[in-house]
């Protein structure tokens, strides 16, 4: 059973967290480049949120959502 948990540890430490380790090493070499990459991720997140809000507004404008009070039995 212990080997199973060590395998999970190896997966995360050796494979899945490699980009974070690279970003941490980049920060020690060039602070501006590391912040530039961070800002790119922030901008991607903002664009995704704006897209999602526009899609929700589109469905709300088409009245496709069931907004009746009796949509749930506990209400």
Protein backbone atom coordinates (compact mmCIF):
# COMPACT_ATOMS: atom_id res chain seq x y z
CA UNK A 1 0.00 0.00 0.00
CA UNK A 2 2.91 2.30 0.74
CA UNK A 3 4.18 1.87 -2.83
CA UNK A 4 0.85 3.14 -4.16
CA UNK A 5 1.23 6.43 -2.28
CA UNK A 6 4.86 6.74 -3.32
CA UNK A 7 3.72 6.29 -6.94
CA UNK A 8 1.25 9.15 -6.52
CA UNK A 9 4.00 11.26 -5.00
CA UNK A 10 6.34 10.49 -7.90
CA UNK A 11 3.63 11.34 -10.42
CA UNK A 12 3.02 14.76 -8.95
CA UNK A 13 6.58 15.68 -8.03
CA UNK A 14 8.35 14.30 -11.09
CA UNK A 15 5.75 14.93 -13.81
CA UNK A 16 2.85 17.23 -13.01
CA UNK A 17 4.71 19.93 -11.05
CA UNK A 18 7.58 20.31 -13.53
CA UNK A 19 6.15 23.52 -15.06
CA UNK A 20 5.92 25.07 -11.59
CA UNK A 21 9.52 24.11 -10.85
CA UNK A 22 10.61 25.62 -14.15
CA UNK A 23 8.73 28.85 -13.38
CA UNK A 24 10.33 28.98 -9.93
CA UNK A 25 13.79 28.53 -11.46
CA UNK A 26 13.02 31.18 -14.10
CA UNK A 27 12.10 33.65 -11.37
CA UNK A 28 15.54 33.29 -9.82
CA UNK A 29 17.16 33.98 -13.21
CA UNK A 30 14.86 36.62 -14.69
CA UNK A 31 12.10 38.14 -12.59
CA UNK A 32 10.50 40.02 -15.52
CA UNK A 33 10.17 36.90 -17.67
CA UNK A 34 8.51 34.99 -14.83
CA UNK A 35 6.04 37.83 -14.26
CA UNK A 36 5.35 38.04 -17.99
CA UNK A 37 4.39 34.37 -18.04
CA UNK A 38 2.20 34.88 -14.96
CA UNK A 39 0.43 37.81 -16.63
CA UNK A 40 -0.19 35.69 -19.73
CA UNK A 41 -1.96 33.12 -17.56
CA UNK A 42 -3.98 35.86 -15.84
CA UNK A 43 -5.05 37.28 -19.21
CA UNK A 44 -6.06 33.81 -20.43
CA UNK A 45 -8.18 33.41 -17.29
CA UNK A 46 -9.84 36.79 -17.76
CA UNK A 47 -10.62 36.03 -21.42
CA UNK A 48 -12.10 32.66 -20.44
CA UNK A 49 -14.25 34.30 -17.76
CA UNK A 50 -15.53 36.98 -20.16
CA UNK A 51 -16.34 34.29 -22.74
CA UNK A 52 -18.22 32.26 -20.13
CA UNK A 53 -20.20 35.32 -18.97
CA UNK A 54 -21.13 36.16 -22.56
CA UNK A 55 -22.33 32.60 -23.11
CA UNK A 56 -24.42 32.76 -19.93
CA UNK A 57 -25.91 36.08 -21.06
CA UNK A 58 -26.76 34.58 -24.45
CA UNK A 59 -28.67 31.71 -22.83
CA UNK A 60 -30.32 34.10 -20.39
CA UNK A 61 -31.49 36.35 -23.24
CA UNK A 62 -33.01 33.37 -25.09
CA UNK A 63 -35.03 32.41 -21.97
CA UNK A 64 -33.77 28.82 -22.17
CA UNK A 65 -33.42 28.47 -18.40
CA UNK A 66 -36.29 27.22 -16.26
CA UNK A 67 -36.67 29.98 -13.66
CA UNK A 68 -39.98 28.87 -12.21
CA UNK A 69 -40.22 28.56 -8.46
CA UNK A 70 -41.53 25.02 -8.72
CA UNK A 71 -38.44 23.76 -10.54
CA UNK A 72 -37.32 22.05 -7.33
CA UNK A 73 -39.63 20.09 -5.09
CA UNK A 74 -38.17 21.53 -1.90
CA UNK A 75 -39.11 25.06 -2.98
